[in-house]
Amino acid sequence: MKKVFYLKTCDTCRKILAQFDLTGWEIREIKKDPVTENELAEMYGRTNSYEALFSKKSTQIKQRGLDVKSLTENDFKDLLLDHYSFLKRPVFMTDDRIFIGNDKKNLEELKAFFGVED
């Protein structure tokens, strides 16, 4: 299993996806086709943390008046299932690996996984 979860309106996501040969990967646009509860459980199985999957930059945080510091793991899970923008993206997932977000360390690991040089 090889899946990528991304948002097509996100320039950063598109730029990252363009760097890799995704032949054979299932590419999912999360606004049109949101993450399922089973997929979220698979992601959790690789991270042991819903918070690690949660985007603290989501505009929904301010709109909903959320205090991220007071959220529990269950709250993060519920929010991730409730609205696509709470997922930190892009997420690349294989049978045994997961790469979450666009931070520098994650992108370096992703490039190494794909064998891409800078």
PDB file of N, CA and C in Angstrom:
ATOM      1  N   MET A   1       0.839  -1.178   0.000  1.00  0.00           N
ATOM      2  CA  MET A   1       0.000   0.000   0.000  1.00  0.00           C
ATOM      3  C   MET A   1       0.888   1.246   0.000  1.00  0.00           C
ATOM      4  N   LYS A   2       0.584   2.138  -0.907  1.00  0.00           N
ATOM      5  CA  LYS A   2       1.280   3.420  -0.992  1.00  0.00           C
ATOM      6  C   LYS A   2       0.217   4.472  -1.245  1.00  0.00           C
ATOM      7  N   LYS A   3       0.087   5.422  -0.307  1.00  0.00           N
ATOM      8  CA  LYS A   3      -0.915   6.471  -0.441  1.00  0.00           C
ATOM      9  C   LYS A   3      -0.303   7.822  -0.118  1.00  0.00           C
ATOM     10  N   VAL A   4      -0.812   8.827  -0.821  1.00  0.00           N
ATOM     11  CA  VAL A   4      -0.453  10.215  -0.529  1.00  0.00           C
ATOM     12  C   VAL A   4      -1.758  10.967  -0.291  1.00  0.00           C
ATOM     13  N   PHE A   5      -1.802  11.708   0.800  1.00  0.00           N
ATOM     14  CA  PHE A   5      -2.948  12.552   1.109  1.00  0.00           C
ATOM     15  C   PHE A   5      -2.478  13.997   0.995  1.00  0.00           C
ATOM     16  N   TYR A   6      -3.189  14.777   0.183  1.00  0.00           N
ATOM     17  CA  TYR A   6      -2.760  16.158  -0.039  1.00  0.00           C
ATOM     18  C   TYR A   6      -3.984  17.025  -0.316  1.00  0.00           C
ATOM     19  N   LEU A   7      -3.738  18.326  -0.401  1.00  0.00           N
ATOM     20  CA  LEU A   7      -4.791  19.285  -0.714  1.00  0.00           C
ATOM     21  C   LEU A   7      -4.385  19.986  -2.012  1.00  0.00           C
ATOM     22  N   LYS A   8      -5.251  19.901  -3.023  1.00  0.00           N
ATOM     23  CA  LYS A   8      -4.867  20.428  -4.344  1.00  0.00           C
ATOM     24  C   LYS A   8      -4.740  21.943  -4.369  1.00  0.00           C
ATOM     25  N   THR A   9      -5.362  22.645  -3.431  1.00  0.00           N
ATOM     26  CA  THR A   9      -5.245  24.101  -3.392  1.00  0.00           C
ATOM     27  C   THR A   9      -3.998  24.562  -2.633  1.00  0.00           C
ATOM     28  N   CYS A  10      -3.238  23.619  -2.129  1.00  0.00           N
ATOM     29  CA  CYS A  10      -2.032  23.941  -1.361  1.00  0.00           C
ATOM     30  C   CYS A  10      -0.817  23.896  -2.290  1.00  0.00           C
ATOM     31  N   ASP A  11      -0.220  25.060  -2.531  1.00  0.00           N
ATOM     32  CA  ASP A  11       0.946  25.143  -3.410  1.00  0.00           C
ATOM     33  C   ASP A  11       2.100  24.292  -2.881  1.00  0.00           C
ATOM     34  N   THR A  12       2.285  24.283  -1.571  1.00  0.00           N
ATOM     35  CA  THR A  12       3.374  23.508  -0.973  1.00  0.00           C
ATOM     36  C   THR A  12       3.186  22.023  -1.255  1.00  0.00           C
ATOM     37  N   CYS A  13       1.964  21.523  -1.076  1.00  0.00           N
ATOM     38  CA  CYS A  13       1.674  20.114  -1.373  1.00  0.00           C
ATOM     39  C   CYS A  13       1.995  19.785  -2.825  1.00  0.00           C
ATOM     40  N   ARG A  14       1.530  20.610  -3.733  1.00  0.00           N
ATOM     41  CA  ARG A  14       1.752  20.357  -5.160  1.00  0.00           C
ATOM     42  C   ARG A  14       3.246  20.370  -5.492  1.00  0.00           C
ATOM     43  N   LYS A  15       3.964  21.296  -4.897  1.00  0.00           N
ATOM     44  CA  LYS A  15       5.407  21.399  -5.132  1.00  0.00           C
ATOM     45  C   LYS A  15       6.125  20.139  -4.629  1.00  0.00           C
ATOM     46  N   ILE A  16       5.729  19.655  -3.459  1.00  0.00           N
ATOM     47  CA  ILE A  16       6.351  18.460  -2.889  1.00  0.00           C
ATOM     48  C   ILE A  16       6.029  17.230  -3.742  1.00  0.00           C
ATOM     49  N   LEU A  17       4.776  17.045  -4.101  1.00  0.00           N
ATOM     50  CA  LEU A  17       4.381  15.885  -4.906  1.00  0.00           C
ATOM     51  C   LEU A  17       5.102  15.861  -6.248  1.00  0.00           C
ATOM     52  N   ALA A  18       5.337  17.034  -6.815  1.00  0.00           N
ATOM     53  CA  ALA A  18       5.981  17.121  -8.131  1.00  0.00           C
ATOM     54  C   ALA A  18       7.433  16.625  -8.106  1.00  0.00           C
ATOM     55  N   GLN A  19       8.028  16.536  -6.935  1.00  0.00           N
ATOM     56  CA  GLN A  19       9.430  16.114  -6.820  1.00  0.00           C
ATOM     57  C   GLN A  19       9.626  14.605  -6.951  1.00  0.00           C
ATOM     58  N   PHE A  20       8.528  13.841  -6.855  1.00  0.00           N
ATOM     59  CA  PHE A  20       8.655  12.391  -6.758  1.00  0.00           C
ATOM     60  C   PHE A  20       7.887  11.663  -7.855  1.00  0.00           C
ATOM     61  N   ASP A  21       8.393  10.490  -8.210  1.00  0.00           N
ATOM     62  CA  ASP A  21       7.688   9.608  -9.139  1.00  0.00           C
ATOM     63  C   ASP A  21       6.660   8.835  -8.317  1.00  0.00           C
ATOM     64  N   LEU A  22       5.406   9.176  -8.473  1.00  0.00           N
ATOM     65  CA  LEU A  22       4.342   8.566  -7.681  1.00  0.00           C
ATOM     66  C   LEU A  22       3.581   7.489  -8.452  1.00  0.00           C
ATOM     67  N   THR A  23       4.233   6.918  -9.476  1.00  0.00           N
ATOM     68  CA  THR A  23       3.641   5.808 -10.211  1.00  0.00           C
ATOM     69  C   THR A  23       3.374   4.671  -9.224  1.00  0.00           C
ATOM     70  N   GLY A  24       2.152   4.164  -9.226  1.00  0.00           N
ATOM     71  CA  GLY A  24       1.790   3.081  -8.312  1.00  0.00           C
ATOM     72  C   GLY A  24       1.264   3.547  -6.965  1.00  0.00           C
ATOM     73  N   TRP A  25       1.254   4.856  -6.753  1.00  0.00           N
ATOM     74  CA  TRP A  25       0.750   5.409  -5.498  1.00  0.00           C
ATOM     75  C   TRP A  25      -0.707   5.827  -5.677  1.00  0.00           C
ATOM     76  N   GLU A  26      -1.512   5.632  -4.641  1.00  0.00           N
ATOM     77  CA  GLU A  26      -2.864   6.184  -4.619  1.00  0.00           C
ATOM     78  C   GLU A  26      -2.743   7.627  -4.143  1.00  0.00           C
ATOM     79  N   ILE A  27      -3.182   8.556  -4.953  1.00  0.00           N
ATOM     80  CA  ILE A  27      -3.063   9.978  -4.616  1.00  0.00           C
ATOM     81  C   ILE A  27      -4.452  10.502  -4.274  1.00  0.00           C
ATOM     82  N   ARG A  28      -4.615  10.938  -3.021  1.00  0.00           N
ATOM     83  CA  ARG A  28      -5.924  11.341  -2.526  1.00  0.00           C
ATOM     84  C   ARG A  28      -5.975  12.831  -2.210  1.00  0.00           C
ATOM     85  N   GLU A  29      -6.917  13.492  -2.811  1.00  0.00           N
ATOM     86  CA  GLU A  29      -7.170  14.898  -2.534  1.00  0.00           C
ATOM     87  C   GLU A  29      -8.166  14.925  -1.376  1.00  0.00           C
ATOM     88  N   ILE A  30      -7.727  15.393  -0.211  1.00  0.00           N
ATOM     89  CA  ILE A  30      -8.498  15.206   1.026  1.00  0.00           C
ATOM     90  C   ILE A  30      -9.736  16.082   1.160  1.00  0.00           C
ATOM     91  N   LYS A  31      -9.828  17.137   0.387  1.00  0.00           N
ATOM     92  CA  LYS A  31     -11.055  17.938   0.449  1.00  0.00           C
ATOM     93  C   LYS A  31     -12.182  17.190  -0.264  1.00  0.00           C
ATOM     94  N   LYS A  32     -11.871  16.633  -1.416  1.00  0.00           N
ATOM     95  CA  LYS A  32     -12.851  15.908  -2.221  1.00  0.00           C
ATOM     96  C   LYS A  32     -13.125  14.513  -1.648  1.00  0.00           C
ATOM     97  N   ASP A  33     -12.086  13.881  -1.108  1.00  0.00           N
ATOM     98  CA  ASP A  33     -12.173  12.500  -0.631  1.00  0.00           C
ATOM     99  C   ASP A  33     -11.472  12.406   0.735  1.00  0.00           C
ATOM    100  N   PRO A  34     -12.158  12.825   1.803  1.00  0.00           N
ATOM    101  CA  PRO A  34     -11.527  12.910   3.128  1.00  0.00           C
ATOM    102  C   PRO A  34     -10.976  11.580   3.646  1.00  0.00           C
ATOM    103  N   VAL A  35     -10.070  11.698   4.578  1.00  0.00           N
ATOM    104  CA  VAL A  35      -9.489  10.542   5.248  1.00  0.00           C
ATOM    105  C   VAL A  35     -10.602   9.801   5.999  1.00  0.00           C
ATOM    106  N   THR A  36     -10.582   8.487   5.879  1.00  0.00           N
ATOM    107  CA  THR A  36     -11.585   7.673   6.577  1.00  0.00           C
ATOM    108  C   THR A  36     -11.104   7.342   7.986  1.00  0.00           C
ATOM    109  N   GLU A  37     -12.019   6.839   8.791  1.00  0.00           N
ATOM    110  CA  GLU A  37     -11.651   6.444  10.154  1.00  0.00           C
ATOM    111  C   GLU A  37     -10.613   5.318  10.117  1.00  0.00           C
ATOM    112  N   ASN A  38     -10.758   4.378   9.182  1.00  0.00           N
ATOM    113  CA  ASN A  38      -9.785   3.283   9.063  1.00  0.00           C
ATOM    114  C   ASN A  38      -8.414   3.802   8.643  1.00  0.00           C
ATOM    115  N   GLU A  39      -8.382   4.745   7.702  1.00  0.00           N
ATOM    116  CA  GLU A  39      -7.104   5.319   7.269  1.00  0.00           C
ATOM    117  C   GLU A  39      -6.443   6.093   8.402  1.00  0.00           C
ATOM    118  N   LEU A  40      -7.252   6.817   9.156  1.00  0.00           N
ATOM    119  CA  LEU A  40      -6.702   7.548  10.293  1.00  0.00           C
ATOM    120  C   LEU A  40      -6.136   6.568  11.319  1.00  0.00           C
ATOM    121  N   ALA A  41      -6.812   5.443  11.522  1.00  0.00           N
ATOM    122  CA  ALA A  41      -6.316   4.413  12.440  1.00  0.00           C
ATOM    123  C   ALA A  41      -4.977   3.852  11.943  1.00  0.00           C
ATOM    124  N   GLU A  42      -4.847   3.670  10.618  1.00  0.00           N
ATOM    125  CA  GLU A  42      -3.577   3.208  10.049  1.00  0.00           C
ATOM    126  C   GLU A  42      -2.467   4.231  10.308  1.00  0.00           C
ATOM    127  N   MET A  43      -2.788   5.506  10.106  1.00  0.00           N
ATOM    128  CA  MET A  43      -1.809   6.571  10.358  1.00  0.00           C
ATOM    129  C   MET A  43      -1.411   6.566  11.833  1.00  0.00           C
ATOM    130  N   TYR A  44      -2.400   6.443  12.691  1.00  0.00           N
ATOM    131  CA  TYR A  44      -2.137   6.414  14.133  1.00  0.00           C
ATOM    132  C   TYR A  44      -1.234   5.229  14.482  1.00  0.00           C
ATOM    133  N   GLY A  45      -1.449   4.108  13.817  1.00  0.00           N
ATOM    134  CA  GLY A  45      -0.637   2.919  14.063  1.00  0.00           C
ATOM    135  C   GLY A  45       0.842   3.135  13.779  1.00  0.00           C
ATOM    136  N   ARG A  46       1.150   4.090  12.932  1.00  0.00           N
ATOM    137  CA  ARG A  46       2.547   4.386  12.601  1.00  0.00           C
ATOM    138  C   ARG A  46       3.112   5.531  13.440  1.00  0.00           C
ATOM    139  N   THR A  47       2.253   6.333  14.023  1.00  0.00           N
ATOM    140  CA  THR A  47       2.721   7.494  14.795  1.00  0.00           C
ATOM    141  C   THR A  47       2.448   7.382  16.290  1.00  0.00           C
ATOM    142  N   ASN A  48       1.423   6.606  16.659  1.00  0.00           N
ATOM    143  CA  ASN A  48       0.942   6.516  18.046  1.00  0.00           C
ATOM    144  C   ASN A  48       0.566   7.883  18.601  1.00  0.00           C
ATOM    145  N   SER A  49       0.151   8.785  17.694  1.00  0.00           N
ATOM    146  CA  SER A  49      -0.226  10.127  18.116  1.00  0.00           C
ATOM    147  C   SER A  49      -1.114  10.787  17.073  1.00  0.00           C
ATOM    148  N   TYR A  50      -2.321  11.161  17.490  1.00  0.00           N
ATOM    149  CA  TYR A  50      -3.170  11.938  16.595  1.00  0.00           C
ATOM    150  C   TYR A  50      -2.650  13.363  16.497  1.00  0.00           C
ATOM    151  N   GLU A  51      -2.046  13.838  17.572  1.00  0.00           N
ATOM    152  CA  GLU A  51      -1.502  15.200  17.565  1.00  0.00           C
ATOM    153  C   GLU A  51      -0.419  15.359  16.494  1.00  0.00           C
ATOM    154  N   ALA A  52       0.366  14.306  16.268  1.00  0.00           N
ATOM    155  CA  ALA A  52       1.426  14.358  15.243  1.00  0.00           C
ATOM    156  C   ALA A  52       0.841  14.542  13.848  1.00  0.00           C
ATOM    157  N   LEU A  53      -0.407  14.138  13.668  1.00  0.00           N
ATOM    158  CA  LEU A  53      -1.083  14.253  12.371  1.00  0.00           C
ATOM    159  C   LEU A  53      -1.847  15.563  12.229  1.00  0.00           C
ATOM    160  N   PHE A  54      -1.935  16.308  13.301  1.00  0.00           N
ATOM    161  CA  PHE A  54      -2.795  17.491  13.389  1.00  0.00           C
ATOM    162  C   PHE A  54      -2.056  18.753  12.956  1.00  0.00           C
ATOM    163  N   SER A  55      -2.668  19.505  12.056  1.00  0.00           N
ATOM    164  CA  SER A  55      -2.078  20.768  11.608  1.00  0.00           C
ATOM    165  C   SER A  55      -2.488  21.890  12.549  1.00  0.00           C
ATOM    166  N   LYS A  56      -1.521  22.428  13.240  1.00  0.00           N
ATOM    167  CA  LYS A  56      -1.794  23.532  14.168  1.00  0.00           C
ATOM    168  C   LYS A  56      -1.885  24.861  13.428  1.00  0.00           C
ATOM    169  N   LYS A  57      -1.804  24.797  12.091  1.00  0.00           N
ATOM    170  CA  LYS A  57      -1.942  25.994  11.262  1.00  0.00           C
ATOM    171  C   LYS A  57      -3.317  26.065  10.594  1.00  0.00           C
ATOM    172  N   SER A  58      -4.175  25.104  10.866  1.00  0.00           N
ATOM    173  CA  SER A  58      -5.497  25.074  10.243  1.00  0.00           C
ATOM    174  C   SER A  58      -6.288  26.330  10.600  1.00  0.00           C
ATOM    175  N   THR A  59      -6.918  26.915   9.600  1.00  0.00           N
ATOM    176  CA  THR A  59      -7.753  28.103   9.835  1.00  0.00           C
ATOM    177  C   THR A  59      -8.967  27.756  10.696  1.00  0.00           C
ATOM    178  N   GLN A  60      -9.321  26.482  10.747  1.00  0.00           N
ATOM    179  CA  GLN A  60     -10.462  26.038  11.546  1.00  0.00           C
ATOM    180  C   GLN A  60     -10.222  26.230  13.051  1.00  0.00           C
ATOM    181  N   ILE A  61      -8.982  26.262  13.462  1.00  0.00           N
ATOM    182  CA  ILE A  61      -8.663  26.432  14.884  1.00  0.00           C
ATOM    183  C   ILE A  61      -9.204  27.767  15.378  1.00  0.00           C
ATOM    184  N   LYS A  62      -8.879  28.829  14.660  1.00  0.00           N
ATOM    185  CA  LYS A  62      -9.342  30.161  15.044  1.00  0.00           C
ATOM    186  C   LYS A  62     -10.852  30.276  14.863  1.00  0.00           C
ATOM    187  N   GLN A  63     -11.363  29.766  13.732  1.00  0.00           N
ATOM    188  CA  GLN A  63     -12.796  29.857  13.461  1.00  0.00           C
ATOM    189  C   GLN A  63     -13.627  29.170  14.537  1.00  0.00           C
ATOM    190  N   ARG A  64     -13.107  28.086  15.088  1.00  0.00           N
ATOM    191  CA  ARG A  64     -13.840  27.336  16.108  1.00  0.00           C
ATOM    192  C   ARG A  64     -13.474  27.746  17.533  1.00  0.00           C
ATOM    193  N   GLY A  65     -12.515  28.650  17.643  1.00  0.00           N
ATOM    194  CA  GLY A  65     -12.093  29.114  18.963  1.00  0.00           C
ATOM    195  C   GLY A  65     -11.440  28.021  19.790  1.00  0.00           C
ATOM    196  N   LEU A  66     -10.666  27.158  19.145  1.00  0.00           N
ATOM    197  CA  LEU A  66     -10.037  26.030  19.830  1.00  0.00           C
ATOM    198  C   LEU A  66      -8.764  26.447  20.553  1.00  0.00           C
ATOM    199  N   ASP A  67      -8.568  25.892  21.730  1.00  0.00           N
ATOM    200  CA  ASP A  67      -7.314  26.042  22.463  1.00  0.00           C
ATOM    201  C   ASP A  67      -6.560  24.729  22.275  1.00  0.00           C
ATOM    202  N   VAL A  68      -5.631  24.716  21.339  1.00  0.00           N
ATOM    203  CA  VAL A  68      -4.930  23.487  20.966  1.00  0.00           C
ATOM    204  C   VAL A  68      -4.227  22.852  22.161  1.00  0.00           C
ATOM    205  N   LYS A  69      -3.708  23.671  23.048  1.00  0.00           N
ATOM    206  CA  LYS A  69      -2.972  23.147  24.208  1.00  0.00           C
ATOM    207  C   LYS A  69      -3.861  22.330  25.141  1.00  0.00           C
ATOM    208  N   SER A  70      -5.159  22.574  25.095  1.00  0.00           N
ATOM    209  CA  SER A  70      -6.055  21.854  25.999  1.00  0.00           C
ATOM    210  C   SER A  70      -6.682  20.605  25.349  1.00  0.00           C
ATOM    211  N   LEU A  71      -6.353  20.349  24.087  1.00  0.00           N
ATOM    212  CA  LEU A  71      -6.951  19.217  23.385  1.00  0.00           C
ATOM    213  C   LEU A  71      -6.317  17.887  23.802  1.00  0.00           C
ATOM    214  N   THR A  72      -7.144  16.862  23.884  1.00  0.00           N
ATOM    215  CA  THR A  72      -6.667  15.514  24.191  1.00  0.00           C
ATOM    216  C   THR A  72      -6.445  14.753  22.885  1.00  0.00           C
ATOM    217  N   GLU A  73      -5.850  13.580  22.980  1.00  0.00           N
ATOM    218  CA  GLU A  73      -5.665  12.739  21.792  1.00  0.00           C
ATOM    219  C   GLU A  73      -7.011  12.441  21.132  1.00  0.00           C
ATOM    220  N   ASN A  74      -8.031  12.192  21.948  1.00  0.00           N
ATOM    221  CA  ASN A  74      -9.359  11.912  21.405  1.00  0.00           C
ATOM    222  C   ASN A  74      -9.922  13.134  20.674  1.00  0.00           C
ATOM    223  N   ASP A  75      -9.661  14.332  21.224  1.00  0.00           N
ATOM    224  CA  ASP A  75     -10.092  15.567  20.558  1.00  0.00           C
ATOM    225  C   ASP A  75      -9.418  15.699  19.191  1.00  0.00           C
ATOM    226  N   PHE A  76      -8.101  15.436  19.157  1.00  0.00           N
ATOM    227  CA  PHE A  76      -7.376  15.510  17.885  1.00  0.00           C
ATOM    228  C   PHE A  76      -7.983  14.532  16.881  1.00  0.00           C
ATOM    229  N   LYS A  77      -8.266  13.311  17.321  1.00  0.00           N
ATOM    230  CA  LYS A  77      -8.863  12.295  16.440  1.00  0.00           C
ATOM    231  C   LYS A  77     -10.189  12.796  15.880  1.00  0.00           C
ATOM    232  N   ASP A  78     -11.056  13.275  16.770  1.00  0.00           N
ATOM    233  CA  ASP A  78     -12.380  13.743  16.334  1.00  0.00           C
ATOM    234  C   ASP A  78     -12.272  14.891  15.341  1.00  0.00           C
ATOM    235  N   LEU A  79     -11.365  15.823  15.593  1.00  0.00           N
ATOM    236  CA  LEU A  79     -11.193  16.966  14.695  1.00  0.00           C
ATOM    237  C   LEU A  79     -10.633  16.535  13.339  1.00  0.00           C
ATOM    238  N   LEU A  80      -9.687  15.599  13.356  1.00  0.00           N
ATOM    239  CA  LEU A  80      -9.116  15.095  12.104  1.00  0.00           C
ATOM    240  C   LEU A  80     -10.192  14.443  11.237  1.00  0.00           C
ATOM    241  N   LEU A  81     -11.133  13.765  11.866  1.00  0.00           N
ATOM    242  CA  LEU A  81     -12.214  13.125  11.124  1.00  0.00           C
ATOM    243  C   LEU A  81     -13.291  14.119  10.709  1.00  0.00           C
ATOM    244  N   ASP A  82     -13.370  15.230  11.434  1.00  0.00           N
ATOM    245  CA  ASP A  82     -14.424  16.211  11.187  1.00  0.00           C
ATOM    246  C   ASP A  82     -14.149  17.134  10.002  1.00  0.00           C
ATOM    247  N   HIS A  83     -12.881  17.525   9.820  1.00  0.00           N
ATOM    248  CA  HIS A  83     -12.582  18.504   8.771  1.00  0.00           C
ATOM    249  C   HIS A  83     -11.206  18.232   8.167  1.00  0.00           C
ATOM    250  N   TYR A  84     -11.143  18.205   6.853  1.00  0.00           N
ATOM    251  CA  TYR A  84      -9.913  17.878   6.125  1.00  0.00           C
ATOM    252  C   TYR A  84      -8.743  18.796   6.461  1.00  0.00           C
ATOM    253  N   SER A  85      -9.014  20.047   6.802  1.00  0.00           N
ATOM    254  CA  SER A  85      -7.914  20.998   6.989  1.00  0.00           C
ATOM    255  C   SER A  85      -7.118  20.749   8.273  1.00  0.00           C
ATOM    256  N   PHE A  86      -7.621  19.881   9.145  1.00  0.00           N
ATOM    257  CA  PHE A  86      -6.877  19.579  10.364  1.00  0.00           C
ATOM    258  C   PHE A  86      -5.727  18.592  10.120  1.00  0.00           C
ATOM    259  N   LEU A  87      -5.702  17.927   8.967  1.00  0.00           N
ATOM    260  CA  LEU A  87      -4.627  16.978   8.686  1.00  0.00           C
ATOM    261  C   LEU A  87      -3.377  17.731   8.228  1.00  0.00           C
ATOM    262  N   LYS A  88      -2.272  17.483   8.923  1.00  0.00           N
ATOM    263  CA  LYS A  88      -0.989  18.053   8.508  1.00  0.00           C
ATOM    264  C   LYS A  88      -0.631  17.380   7.196  1.00  0.00           C
ATOM    265  N   ARG A  89      -0.242  18.151   6.213  1.00  0.00           N
ATOM    266  CA  ARG A  89      -0.058  17.576   4.894  1.00  0.00           C
ATOM    267  C   ARG A  89       1.184  18.110   4.186  1.00  0.00           C
ATOM    268  N   PRO A  90       1.607  17.346   3.169  1.00  0.00           N
ATOM    269  CA  PRO A  90       1.061  16.083   2.701  1.00  0.00           C
ATOM    270  C   PRO A  90       1.438  14.930   3.625  1.00  0.00           C
ATOM    271  N   VAL A  91       0.701  13.830   3.499  1.00  0.00           N
ATOM    272  CA  VAL A  91       1.019  12.603   4.233  1.00  0.00           C
ATOM    273  C   VAL A  91       1.300  11.522   3.195  1.00  0.00           C
ATOM    274  N   PHE A  92       2.499  10.955   3.268  1.00  0.00           N
ATOM    275  CA  PHE A  92       2.891   9.828   2.431  1.00  0.00           C
ATOM    276  C   PHE A  92       2.895   8.606   3.347  1.00  0.00           C
ATOM    277  N   MET A  93       2.165   7.567   2.964  1.00  0.00           N
ATOM    278  CA  MET A  93       2.056   6.395   3.827  1.00  0.00           C
ATOM    279  C   MET A  93       2.287   5.121   3.025  1.00  0.00           C
ATOM    280  N   THR A  94       3.136   4.256   3.558  1.00  0.00           N
ATOM    281  CA  THR A  94       3.363   2.941   2.975  1.00  0.00           C
ATOM    282  C   THR A  94       2.945   1.899   4.013  1.00  0.00           C
ATOM    283  N   ASP A  95       3.191   0.635   3.714  1.00  0.00           N
ATOM    284  CA  ASP A  95       2.821  -0.421   4.660  1.00  0.00           C
ATOM    285  C   ASP A  95       3.502  -0.257   6.016  1.00  0.00           C
ATOM    286  N   ASP A  96       4.697   0.320   6.025  1.00  0.00           N
ATOM    287  CA  ASP A  96       5.413   0.414   7.296  1.00  0.00           C
ATOM    288  C   ASP A  96       6.012   1.786   7.604  1.00  0.00           C
ATOM    289  N   ARG A  97       5.799   2.760   6.739  1.00  0.00           N
ATOM    290  CA  ARG A  97       6.368   4.095   6.954  1.00  0.00           C
ATOM    291  C   ARG A  97       5.304   5.158   6.790  1.00  0.00           C
ATOM    292  N   ILE A  98       5.561   6.308   7.425  1.00  0.00           N
ATOM    293  CA  ILE A  98       4.689   7.469   7.238  1.00  0.00           C
ATOM    294  C   ILE A  98       5.561   8.723   7.272  1.00  0.00           C
ATOM    295  N   PHE A  99       5.252   9.635   6.386  1.00  0.00           N
ATOM    296  CA  PHE A  99       5.938  10.925   6.312  1.00  0.00           C
ATOM    297  C   PHE A  99       4.847  11.985   6.393  1.00  0.00           C
ATOM    298  N   ILE A 100       4.931  12.860   7.394  1.00  0.00           N
ATOM    299  CA  ILE A 100       3.847  13.804   7.663  1.00  0.00           C
ATOM    300  C   ILE A 100       4.344  15.239   7.571  1.00  0.00           C
ATOM    301  N   GLY A 101       3.675  16.013   6.731  1.00  0.00           N
ATOM    302  CA  GLY A 101       3.922  17.450   6.707  1.00  0.00           C
ATOM    303  C   GLY A 101       5.054  17.876   5.802  1.00  0.00           C
ATOM    304  N   ASN A 102       5.383  19.170   5.923  1.00  0.00           N
ATOM    305  CA  ASN A 102       6.352  19.765   5.007  1.00  0.00           C
ATOM    306  C   ASN A 102       7.567  20.348   5.716  1.00  0.00           C
ATOM    307  N   ASP A 103       7.806  19.909   6.961  1.00  0.00           N
ATOM    308  CA  ASP A 103       8.987  20.437   7.642  1.00  0.00           C
ATOM    309  C   ASP A 103      10.256  19.856   7.016  1.00  0.00           C
ATOM    310  N   LYS A 104      11.355  20.533   7.221  1.00  0.00           N
ATOM    311  CA  LYS A 104      12.611  20.208   6.549  1.00  0.00           C
ATOM    312  C   LYS A 104      13.061  18.766   6.817  1.00  0.00           C
ATOM    313  N   LYS A 105      13.004  18.331   8.069  1.00  0.00           N
ATOM    314  CA  LYS A 105      13.445  16.974   8.427  1.00  0.00           C
ATOM    315  C   LYS A 105      12.603  15.929   7.698  1.00  0.00           C
ATOM    316  N   ASN A 106      11.298  16.118   7.676  1.00  0.00           N
ATOM    317  CA  ASN A 106      10.411  15.179   7.000  1.00  0.00           C
ATOM    318  C   ASN A 106      10.712  15.122   5.502  1.00  0.00           C
ATOM    319  N   LEU A 107      10.915  16.277   4.895  1.00  0.00           N
ATOM    320  CA  LEU A 107      11.201  16.316   3.460  1.00  0.00           C
ATOM    321  C   LEU A 107      12.528  15.638   3.134  1.00  0.00           C
ATOM    322  N   GLU A 108      13.527  15.791   4.005  1.00  0.00           N
ATOM    323  CA  GLU A 108      14.812  15.115   3.800  1.00  0.00           C
ATOM    324  C   GLU A 108      14.635  13.598   3.866  1.00  0.00           C
ATOM    325  N   GLU A 109      13.843  13.121   4.838  1.00  0.00           N
ATOM    326  CA  GLU A 109      13.583  11.685   4.965  1.00  0.00           C
ATOM    327  C   GLU A 109      12.806  11.164   3.749  1.00  0.00           C
ATOM    328  N   LEU A 110      11.872  11.963   3.268  1.00  0.00           N
ATOM    329  CA  LEU A 110      11.074  11.586   2.103  1.00  0.00           C
ATOM    330  C   LEU A 110      11.954  11.486   0.855  1.00  0.00           C
ATOM    331  N   LYS A 111      12.855  12.439   0.671  1.00  0.00           N
ATOM    332  CA  LYS A 111      13.771  12.411  -0.475  1.00  0.00           C
ATOM    333  C   LYS A 111      14.682  11.188  -0.399  1.00  0.00           C
ATOM    334  N   ALA A 112      15.151  10.861   0.796  1.00  0.00           N
ATOM    335  CA  ALA A 112      15.990   9.675   0.971  1.00  0.00           C
ATOM    336  C   ALA A 112      15.191   8.411   0.643  1.00  0.00           C
ATOM    337  N   PHE A 113      13.933   8.364   1.069  1.00  0.00           N
ATOM    338  CA  PHE A 113      13.070   7.219   0.791  1.00  0.00           C
ATOM    339  C   PHE A 113      12.890   7.019  -0.710  1.00  0.00           C
ATOM    340  N   PHE A 114      12.709   8.103  -1.434  1.00  0.00           N
ATOM    341  CA  PHE A 114      12.509   8.043  -2.885  1.00  0.00           C
ATOM    342  C   PHE A 114      13.838   8.016  -3.655  1.00  0.00           C
ATOM    343  N   GLY A 115      14.951   8.220  -2.956  1.00  0.00           N
ATOM    344  CA  GLY A 115      16.252   8.250  -3.623  1.00  0.00           C
ATOM    345  C   GLY A 115      16.472   9.473  -4.462  1.00  0.00           C
ATOM    346  N   VAL A 116      15.909  10.594  -4.024  1.00  0.00           N
ATOM    347  CA  VAL A 116      16.012  11.854  -4.759  1.00  0.00           C
ATOM    348  C   VAL A 116      17.117  12.715  -4.131  1.00  0.00           C
ATOM    349  N   GLU A 117      17.984  13.228  -4.989  1.00  0.00           N
ATOM    350  CA  GLU A 117      19.063  14.125  -4.542  1.00  0.00           C
ATOM    351  C   GLU A 117      18.586  15.562  -4.572  1.00  0.00           C
ATOM    352  N   ASP A 118      19.145  16.401  -3.717  1.00  0.00           N
ATOM    353  CA  ASP A 118      18.808  17.835  -3.728  1.00  0.00           C
ATOM    354  C   ASP A 118      19.386  18.525  -4.925  1.00  0.00           C
TER     355      ASP A 118
END
